[in-house]
Amino acid sequence: MFIFIGKVLYSLVWLFLVFNLIYPYPHPANVVANIGLIAFIVTHGLQAWMLHSTMTNQEKQQDKFKVLRLFLFGVFESLSWKDKK
């Protein structure tokens, strides 16, 4: 349940940050949202890149969206892998 709530909250944060690109918030808030978006893209991008670089070709074919889910949900996706095992 904790992991599901975390994924929902991450989705809401992504929505909040991307919404700022479409309809910018007032001045101090849009700067903070842009910095947050950059931080999210960099940290989650590094996580996804590290996962992709350590996966074998067979693993990549078995689960094609694993890297995307890690990029979107970050640590909560990796915690869900632990629960599945």
PDB file of N, CA and C in Angstrom:
ATOM      1  N   MET A   1       0.822  -1.195   0.000  1.00  0.00           N
ATOM      2  CA  MET A   1       0.000   0.000   0.000  1.00  0.00           C
ATOM      3  C   MET A   1       0.868   1.261   0.000  1.00  0.00           C
ATOM      4  N   PHE A   2       1.966   1.230   0.790  1.00  0.00           N
ATOM      5  CA  PHE A   2       2.888   2.355   0.871  1.00  0.00           C
ATOM      6  C   PHE A   2       3.501   2.670  -0.497  1.00  0.00           C
ATOM      7  N   ILE A   3       3.853   1.631  -1.224  1.00  0.00           N
ATOM      8  CA  ILE A   3       4.476   1.826  -2.539  1.00  0.00           C
ATOM      9  C   ILE A   3       3.464   2.423  -3.519  1.00  0.00           C
ATOM     10  N   PHE A   4       2.231   1.956  -3.477  1.00  0.00           N
ATOM     11  CA  PHE A   4       1.192   2.497  -4.354  1.00  0.00           C
ATOM     12  C   PHE A   4       0.943   3.979  -4.064  1.00  0.00           C
ATOM     13  N   ILE A   5       0.879   4.335  -2.791  1.00  0.00           N
ATOM     14  CA  ILE A   5       0.679   5.741  -2.423  1.00  0.00           C
ATOM     15  C   ILE A   5       1.859   6.581  -2.894  1.00  0.00           C
ATOM     16  N   GLY A   6       3.066   6.047  -2.759  1.00  0.00           N
ATOM     17  CA  GLY A   6       4.249   6.761  -3.238  1.00  0.00           C
ATOM     18  C   GLY A   6       4.221   6.983  -4.735  1.00  0.00           C
ATOM     19  N   LYS A   7       3.786   5.981  -5.490  1.00  0.00           N
ATOM     20  CA  LYS A   7       3.691   6.125  -6.942  1.00  0.00           C
ATOM     21  C   LYS A   7       2.643   7.171  -7.332  1.00  0.00           C
ATOM     22  N   VAL A   8       1.540   7.178  -6.613  1.00  0.00           N
ATOM     23  CA  VAL A   8       0.496   8.177  -6.881  1.00  0.00           C
ATOM     24  C   VAL A   8       1.029   9.578  -6.586  1.00  0.00           C
ATOM     25  N   LEU A   9       1.727   9.731  -5.470  1.00  0.00           N
ATOM     26  CA  LEU A   9       2.292  11.040  -5.133  1.00  0.00           C
ATOM     27  C   LEU A   9       3.342  11.478  -6.152  1.00  0.00           C
ATOM     28  N   TYR A  10       4.187  10.541  -6.612  1.00  0.00           N
ATOM     29  CA  TYR A  10       5.165  10.884  -7.649  1.00  0.00           C
ATOM     30  C   TYR A  10       4.459  11.327  -8.921  1.00  0.00           C
ATOM     31  N   SER A  11       3.371  10.657  -9.266  1.00  0.00           N
ATOM     32  CA  SER A  11       2.615  11.051 -10.460  1.00  0.00           C
ATOM     33  C   SER A  11       2.063  12.461 -10.316  1.00  0.00           C
ATOM     34  N   LEU A  12       1.577  12.784  -9.135  1.00  0.00           N
ATOM     35  CA  LEU A  12       1.058  14.134  -8.898  1.00  0.00           C
ATOM     36  C   LEU A  12       2.171  15.183  -8.959  1.00  0.00           C
ATOM     37  N   VAL A  13       3.351  14.843  -8.457  1.00  0.00           N
ATOM     38  CA  VAL A  13       4.478  15.779  -8.535  1.00  0.00           C
ATOM     39  C   VAL A  13       4.880  15.996  -9.984  1.00  0.00           C
ATOM     40  N   TRP A  14       4.978  14.908 -10.774  1.00  0.00           N
ATOM     41  CA  TRP A  14       5.290  15.056 -12.192  1.00  0.00           C
ATOM     42  C   TRP A  14       4.241  15.932 -12.883  1.00  0.00           C
ATOM     43  N   LEU A  15       2.980  15.699 -12.573  1.00  0.00           N
ATOM     44  CA  LEU A  15       1.900  16.486 -13.167  1.00  0.00           C
ATOM     45  C   LEU A  15       2.042  17.957 -12.803  1.00  0.00           C
ATOM     46  N   PHE A  16       2.334  18.241 -11.551  1.00  0.00           N
ATOM     47  CA  PHE A  16       2.533  19.610 -11.084  1.00  0.00           C
ATOM     48  C   PHE A  16       3.699  20.279 -11.821  1.00  0.00           C
ATOM     49  N   LEU A  17       4.806  19.552 -11.987  1.00  0.00           N
ATOM     50  CA  LEU A  17       5.986  20.130 -12.626  1.00  0.00           C
ATOM     51  C   LEU A  17       5.795  20.328 -14.130  1.00  0.00           C
ATOM     52  N   VAL A  18       5.148  19.398 -14.788  1.00  0.00           N
ATOM     53  CA  VAL A  18       4.920  19.523 -16.233  1.00  0.00           C
ATOM     54  C   VAL A  18       3.851  20.574 -16.518  1.00  0.00           C
ATOM     55  N   PHE A  19       2.868  20.694 -15.636  1.00  0.00           N
ATOM     56  CA  PHE A  19       1.831  21.712 -15.805  1.00  0.00           C
ATOM     57  C   PHE A  19       2.449  23.108 -15.821  1.00  0.00           C
ATOM     58  N   ASN A  20       3.537  23.291 -15.074  1.00  0.00           N
ATOM     59  CA  ASN A  20       4.237  24.577 -15.055  1.00  0.00           C
ATOM     60  C   ASN A  20       4.803  24.923 -16.433  1.00  0.00           C
ATOM     61  N   LEU A  21       5.159  23.927 -17.209  1.00  0.00           N
ATOM     62  CA  LEU A  21       5.669  24.199 -18.557  1.00  0.00           C
ATOM     63  C   LEU A  21       4.564  24.697 -19.484  1.00  0.00           C
ATOM     64  N   ILE A  22       3.348  24.203 -19.277  1.00  0.00           N
ATOM     65  CA  ILE A  22       2.233  24.575 -20.136  1.00  0.00           C
ATOM     66  C   ILE A  22       1.635  25.914 -19.712  1.00  0.00           C
ATOM     67  N   TYR A  23       1.333  26.026 -18.425  1.00  0.00           N
ATOM     68  CA  TYR A  23       0.796  27.267 -17.855  1.00  0.00           C
ATOM     69  C   TYR A  23       1.706  27.691 -16.709  1.00  0.00           C
ATOM     70  N   PRO A  24       2.680  28.551 -16.979  1.00  0.00           N
ATOM     71  CA  PRO A  24       3.640  28.914 -15.922  1.00  0.00           C
ATOM     72  C   PRO A  24       2.979  29.538 -14.696  1.00  0.00           C
ATOM     73  N   TYR A  25       3.500  29.164 -13.547  1.00  0.00           N
ATOM     74  CA  TYR A  25       3.037  29.715 -12.275  1.00  0.00           C
ATOM     75  C   TYR A  25       3.596  31.128 -12.107  1.00  0.00           C
ATOM     76  N   PRO A  26       3.104  31.879 -11.131  1.00  0.00           N
ATOM     77  CA  PRO A  26       3.670  33.211 -10.867  1.00  0.00           C
ATOM     78  C   PRO A  26       5.169  33.119 -10.548  1.00  0.00           C
ATOM     79  N   HIS A  27       5.851  34.259 -10.620  1.00  0.00           N
ATOM     80  CA  HIS A  27       7.313  34.294 -10.662  1.00  0.00           C
ATOM     81  C   HIS A  27       8.063  33.431  -9.654  1.00  0.00           C
ATOM     82  N   PRO A  28       7.925  33.547  -8.376  1.00  0.00           N
ATOM     83  CA  PRO A  28       8.813  32.716  -7.542  1.00  0.00           C
ATOM     84  C   PRO A  28       8.497  31.229  -7.665  1.00  0.00           C
ATOM     85  N   ALA A  29       7.237  30.878  -7.884  1.00  0.00           N
ATOM     86  CA  ALA A  29       6.858  29.469  -7.951  1.00  0.00           C
ATOM     87  C   ALA A  29       7.347  28.803  -9.230  1.00  0.00           C
ATOM     88  N   ASN A  30       7.364  29.538 -10.350  1.00  0.00           N
ATOM     89  CA  ASN A  30       7.791  28.902 -11.593  1.00  0.00           C
ATOM     90  C   ASN A  30       9.283  28.598 -11.584  1.00  0.00           C
ATOM     91  N   VAL A  31      10.074  29.398 -10.908  1.00  0.00           N
ATOM     92  CA  VAL A  31      11.511  29.123 -10.810  1.00  0.00           C
ATOM     93  C   VAL A  31      11.740  27.860  -9.988  1.00  0.00           C
ATOM     94  N   VAL A  32      11.033  27.759  -8.882  1.00  0.00           N
ATOM     95  CA  VAL A  32      11.157  26.566  -8.034  1.00  0.00           C
ATOM     96  C   VAL A  32      10.681  25.324  -8.782  1.00  0.00           C
ATOM     97  N   ALA A  33       9.588  25.430  -9.520  1.00  0.00           N
ATOM     98  CA  ALA A  33       9.072  24.295 -10.281  1.00  0.00           C
ATOM     99  C   ALA A  33      10.043  23.892 -11.388  1.00  0.00           C
ATOM    100  N   ASN A  34      10.653  24.857 -12.047  1.00  0.00           N
ATOM    101  CA  ASN A  34      11.637  24.532 -13.095  1.00  0.00           C
ATOM    102  C   ASN A  34      12.861  23.847 -12.511  1.00  0.00           C
ATOM    103  N   ILE A  35      13.334  24.322 -11.371  1.00  0.00           N
ATOM    104  CA  ILE A  35      14.480  23.680 -10.717  1.00  0.00           C
ATOM    105  C   ILE A  35      14.105  22.266 -10.280  1.00  0.00           C
ATOM    106  N   GLY A  36      12.898  22.104  -9.753  1.00  0.00           N
ATOM    107  CA  GLY A  36      12.426  20.775  -9.361  1.00  0.00           C
ATOM    108  C   GLY A  36      12.326  19.833 -10.542  1.00  0.00           C
ATOM    109  N   LEU A  37      11.831  20.327 -11.668  1.00  0.00           N
ATOM    110  CA  LEU A  37      11.730  19.498 -12.863  1.00  0.00           C
ATOM    111  C   LEU A  37      13.107  19.076 -13.349  1.00  0.00           C
ATOM    112  N   ILE A  38      14.043  19.991 -13.357  1.00  0.00           N
ATOM    113  CA  ILE A  38      15.408  19.658 -13.774  1.00  0.00           C
ATOM    114  C   ILE A  38      16.008  18.618 -12.827  1.00  0.00           C
ATOM    115  N   ALA A  39      15.802  18.797 -11.524  1.00  0.00           N
ATOM    116  CA  ALA A  39      16.331  17.838 -10.550  1.00  0.00           C
ATOM    117  C   ALA A  39      15.700  16.459 -10.737  1.00  0.00           C
ATOM    118  N   PHE A  40      14.397  16.421 -10.970  1.00  0.00           N
ATOM    119  CA  PHE A  40      13.722  15.141 -11.197  1.00  0.00           C
ATOM    120  C   PHE A  40      14.254  14.467 -12.449  1.00  0.00           C
ATOM    121  N   ILE A  41      14.393  15.210 -13.528  1.00  0.00           N
ATOM    122  CA  ILE A  41      14.860  14.619 -14.786  1.00  0.00           C
ATOM    123  C   ILE A  41      16.284  14.093 -14.640  1.00  0.00           C
ATOM    124  N   VAL A  42      17.146  14.850 -13.971  1.00  0.00           N
ATOM    125  CA  VAL A  42      18.541  14.421 -13.816  1.00  0.00           C
ATOM    126  C   VAL A  42      18.633  13.181 -12.924  1.00  0.00           C
ATOM    127  N   THR A  43      18.008  13.218 -11.744  1.00  0.00           N
ATOM    128  CA  THR A  43      18.143  12.087 -10.831  1.00  0.00           C
ATOM    129  C   THR A  43      17.458  10.830 -11.372  1.00  0.00           C
ATOM    130  N   HIS A  44      16.254  10.968 -11.882  1.00  0.00           N
ATOM    131  CA  HIS A  44      15.556   9.801 -12.408  1.00  0.00           C
ATOM    132  C   HIS A  44      16.188   9.334 -13.714  1.00  0.00           C
ATOM    133  N   GLY A  45      16.716  10.260 -14.487  1.00  0.00           N
ATOM    134  CA  GLY A  45      17.422   9.881 -15.705  1.00  0.00           C
ATOM    135  C   GLY A  45      18.677   9.083 -15.403  1.00  0.00           C
ATOM    136  N   LEU A  46      19.412   9.477 -14.380  1.00  0.00           N
ATOM    137  CA  LEU A  46      20.601   8.710 -13.984  1.00  0.00           C
ATOM    138  C   LEU A  46      20.216   7.320 -13.492  1.00  0.00           C
ATOM    139  N   GLN A  47      19.154   7.223 -12.717  1.00  0.00           N
ATOM    140  CA  GLN A  47      18.694   5.911 -12.257  1.00  0.00           C
ATOM    141  C   GLN A  47      18.308   5.027 -13.442  1.00  0.00           C
ATOM    142  N   ALA A  48      17.555   5.574 -14.369  1.00  0.00           N
ATOM    143  CA  ALA A  48      17.123   4.806 -15.535  1.00  0.00           C
ATOM    144  C   ALA A  48      18.305   4.419 -16.401  1.00  0.00           C
ATOM    145  N   TRP A  49      19.262   5.315 -16.570  1.00  0.00           N
ATOM    146  CA  TRP A  49      20.441   5.028 -17.371  1.00  0.00           C
ATOM    147  C   TRP A  49      21.276   3.911 -16.739  1.00  0.00           C
ATOM    148  N   MET A  50      21.433   3.961 -15.414  1.00  0.00           N
ATOM    149  CA  MET A  50      22.205   2.916 -14.738  1.00  0.00           C
ATOM    150  C   MET A  50      21.502   1.562 -14.853  1.00  0.00           C
ATOM    151  N   LEU A  51      20.186   1.540 -14.715  1.00  0.00           N
ATOM    152  CA  LEU A  51      19.457   0.286 -14.868  1.00  0.00           C
ATOM    153  C   LEU A  51      19.593  -0.238 -16.288  1.00  0.00           C
ATOM    154  N   HIS A  52      19.398   0.628 -17.272  1.00  0.00           N
ATOM    155  CA  HIS A  52      19.472   0.215 -18.673  1.00  0.00           C
ATOM    156  C   HIS A  52      20.860  -0.325 -19.017  1.00  0.00           C
ATOM    157  N   SER A  53      21.902   0.290 -18.479  1.00  0.00           N
ATOM    158  CA  SER A  53      23.249  -0.152 -18.805  1.00  0.00           C
ATOM    159  C   SER A  53      23.618  -1.475 -18.139  1.00  0.00           C
ATOM    160  N   THR A  54      22.915  -1.864 -17.077  1.00  0.00           N
ATOM    161  CA  THR A  54      23.221  -3.128 -16.406  1.00  0.00           C
ATOM    162  C   THR A  54      22.315  -4.274 -16.848  1.00  0.00           C
ATOM    163  N   MET A  55      21.296  -3.989 -17.638  1.00  0.00           N
ATOM    164  CA  MET A  55      20.375  -5.035 -18.086  1.00  0.00           C
ATOM    165  C   MET A  55      20.955  -5.782 -19.284  1.00  0.00           C
ATOM    166  N   THR A  56      20.718  -7.093 -19.325  1.00  0.00           N
ATOM    167  CA  THR A  56      21.118  -7.883 -20.487  1.00  0.00           C
ATOM    168  C   THR A  56      20.067  -7.699 -21.582  1.00  0.00           C
ATOM    169  N   ASN A  57      20.405  -8.140 -22.787  1.00  0.00           N
ATOM    170  CA  ASN A  57      19.458  -8.025 -23.896  1.00  0.00           C
ATOM    171  C   ASN A  57      18.191  -8.819 -23.626  1.00  0.00           C
ATOM    172  N   GLN A  58      18.318  -9.969 -22.968  1.00  0.00           N
ATOM    173  CA  GLN A  58      17.145 -10.776 -22.660  1.00  0.00           C
ATOM    174  C   GLN A  58      16.242 -10.052 -21.668  1.00  0.00           C
ATOM    175  N   GLU A  59      16.817  -9.417 -20.673  1.00  0.00           N
ATOM    176  CA  GLU A  59      16.020  -8.656 -19.708  1.00  0.00           C
ATOM    177  C   GLU A  59      15.328  -7.473 -20.369  1.00  0.00           C
ATOM    178  N   LYS A  60      16.012  -6.838 -21.303  1.00  0.00           N
ATOM    179  CA  LYS A  60      15.408  -5.706 -22.017  1.00  0.00           C
ATOM    180  C   LYS A  60      14.206  -6.153 -22.846  1.00  0.00           C
ATOM    181  N   GLN A  61      14.293  -7.352 -23.438  1.00  0.00           N
ATOM    182  CA  GLN A  61      13.181  -7.846 -24.246  1.00  0.00           C
ATOM    183  C   GLN A  61      12.020  -8.319 -23.378  1.00  0.00           C
ATOM    184  N   GLN A  62      12.321  -8.865 -22.201  1.00  0.00           N
ATOM    185  CA  GLN A  62      11.266  -9.375 -21.328  1.00  0.00           C
ATOM    186  C   GLN A  62      10.399  -8.249 -20.772  1.00  0.00           C
ATOM    187  N   ASP A  63      11.007  -7.179 -20.353  1.00  0.00           N
ATOM    188  CA  ASP A  63      10.247  -6.078 -19.747  1.00  0.00           C
ATOM    189  C   ASP A  63      10.700  -4.771 -20.376  1.00  0.00           C
ATOM    190  N   LYS A  64      10.008  -4.367 -21.437  1.00  0.00           N
ATOM    191  CA  LYS A  64      10.432  -3.206 -22.212  1.00  0.00           C
ATOM    192  C   LYS A  64      10.173  -1.881 -21.509  1.00  0.00           C
ATOM    193  N   PHE A  65       9.259  -1.844 -20.541  1.00  0.00           N
ATOM    194  CA  PHE A  65       8.899  -0.592 -19.889  1.00  0.00           C
ATOM    195  C   PHE A  65       9.491  -0.452 -18.490  1.00  0.00           C
ATOM    196  N   LYS A  66      10.385  -1.337 -18.128  1.00  0.00           N
ATOM    197  CA  LYS A  66      10.979  -1.306 -16.789  1.00  0.00           C
ATOM    198  C   LYS A  66      11.758  -0.014 -16.569  1.00  0.00           C
ATOM    199  N   VAL A  67      12.529   0.394 -17.550  1.00  0.00           N
ATOM    200  CA  VAL A  67      13.337   1.614 -17.429  1.00  0.00           C
ATOM    201  C   VAL A  67      12.431   2.842 -17.366  1.00  0.00           C
ATOM    202  N   LEU A  68      11.373   2.852 -18.169  1.00  0.00           N
ATOM    203  CA  LEU A  68      10.439   3.981 -18.146  1.00  0.00           C
ATOM    204  C   LEU A  68       9.740   4.091 -16.795  1.00  0.00           C
ATOM    205  N   ARG A  69       9.319   2.951 -16.241  1.00  0.00           N
ATOM    206  CA  ARG A  69       8.672   2.977 -14.928  1.00  0.00           C
ATOM    207  C   ARG A  69       9.642   3.469 -13.860  1.00  0.00           C
ATOM    208  N   LEU A  70      10.914   3.078 -13.962  1.00  0.00           N
ATOM    209  CA  LEU A  70      11.893   3.570 -12.990  1.00  0.00           C
ATOM    210  C   LEU A  70      12.094   5.074 -13.160  1.00  0.00           C
ATOM    211  N   PHE A  71      12.096   5.557 -14.387  1.00  0.00           N
ATOM    212  CA  PHE A  71      12.243   6.995 -14.622  1.00  0.00           C
ATOM    213  C   PHE A  71      11.069   7.770 -14.016  1.00  0.00           C
ATOM    214  N   LEU A  72       9.867   7.245 -14.159  1.00  0.00           N
ATOM    215  CA  LEU A  72       8.685   7.964 -13.666  1.00  0.00           C
ATOM    216  C   LEU A  72       8.517   7.879 -12.152  1.00  0.00           C
ATOM    217  N   PHE A  73       8.750   6.700 -11.585  1.00  0.00           N
ATOM    218  CA  PHE A  73       8.425   6.492 -10.174  1.00  0.00           C
ATOM    219  C   PHE A  73       9.642   6.386  -9.260  1.00  0.00           C
ATOM    220  N   GLY A  74      10.828   6.352  -9.810  1.00  0.00           N
ATOM    221  CA  GLY A  74      12.049   6.377  -9.010  1.00  0.00           C
ATOM    222  C   GLY A  74      12.154   5.237  -8.013  1.00  0.00           C
ATOM    223  N   VAL A  75      12.440   5.591  -6.782  1.00  0.00           N
ATOM    224  CA  VAL A  75      12.721   4.608  -5.745  1.00  0.00           C
ATOM    225  C   VAL A  75      11.503   3.730  -5.445  1.00  0.00           C
ATOM    226  N   PHE A  76      10.302   4.237  -5.643  1.00  0.00           N
ATOM    227  CA  PHE A  76       9.120   3.432  -5.358  1.00  0.00           C
ATOM    228  C   PHE A  76       8.991   2.263  -6.337  1.00  0.00           C
ATOM    229  N   GLU A  77       9.444   2.444  -7.558  1.00  0.00           N
ATOM    230  CA  GLU A  77       9.439   1.331  -8.513  1.00  0.00           C
ATOM    231  C   GLU A  77      10.447   0.267  -8.091  1.00  0.00           C
ATOM    232  N   SER A  78      11.617   0.678  -7.656  1.00  0.00           N
ATOM    233  CA  SER A  78      12.606  -0.313  -7.225  1.00  0.00           C
ATOM    234  C   SER A  78      12.153  -1.011  -5.938  1.00  0.00           C
ATOM    235  N   LEU A  79      11.427  -0.327  -5.082  1.00  0.00           N
ATOM    236  CA  LEU A  79      10.875  -0.982  -3.891  1.00  0.00           C
ATOM    237  C   LEU A  79       9.799  -1.994  -4.270  1.00  0.00           C
ATOM    238  N   SER A  80       9.056  -1.734  -5.336  1.00  0.00           N
ATOM    239  CA  SER A  80       8.036  -2.698  -5.772  1.00  0.00           C
ATOM    240  C   SER A  80       8.696  -3.964  -6.309  1.00  0.00           C
ATOM    241  N   TRP A  81       9.889  -3.867  -6.889  1.00  0.00           N
ATOM    242  CA  TRP A  81      10.606  -5.053  -7.343  1.00  0.00           C
ATOM    243  C   TRP A  81      10.982  -5.919  -6.146  1.00  0.00           C
ATOM    244  N   LYS A  82      11.355  -5.273  -5.054  1.00  0.00           N
ATOM    245  CA  LYS A  82      11.719  -6.006  -3.843  1.00  0.00           C
ATOM    246  C   LYS A  82      10.499  -6.742  -3.291  1.00  0.00           C
ATOM    247  N   ASP A  83       9.329  -6.122  -3.333  1.00  0.00           N
ATOM    248  CA  ASP A  83       8.113  -6.759  -2.849  1.00  0.00           C
ATOM    249  C   ASP A  83       7.701  -7.960  -3.697  1.00  0.00           C
ATOM    250  N   LYS A  84       7.966  -7.892  -5.008  1.00  0.00           N
ATOM    251  CA  LYS A  84       7.570  -8.972  -5.906  1.00  0.00           C
ATOM    252  C   LYS A  84       8.417 -10.213  -5.698  1.00  0.00           C
ATOM    253  N   LYS A  85       9.635 -10.051  -5.204  1.00  0.00           N
ATOM    254  CA  LYS A  85      10.525 -11.207  -4.977  1.00  0.00           C
ATOM    255  C   LYS A  85      10.257 -11.822  -3.680  1.00  0.00           C
TER     256      LYS A  85
END
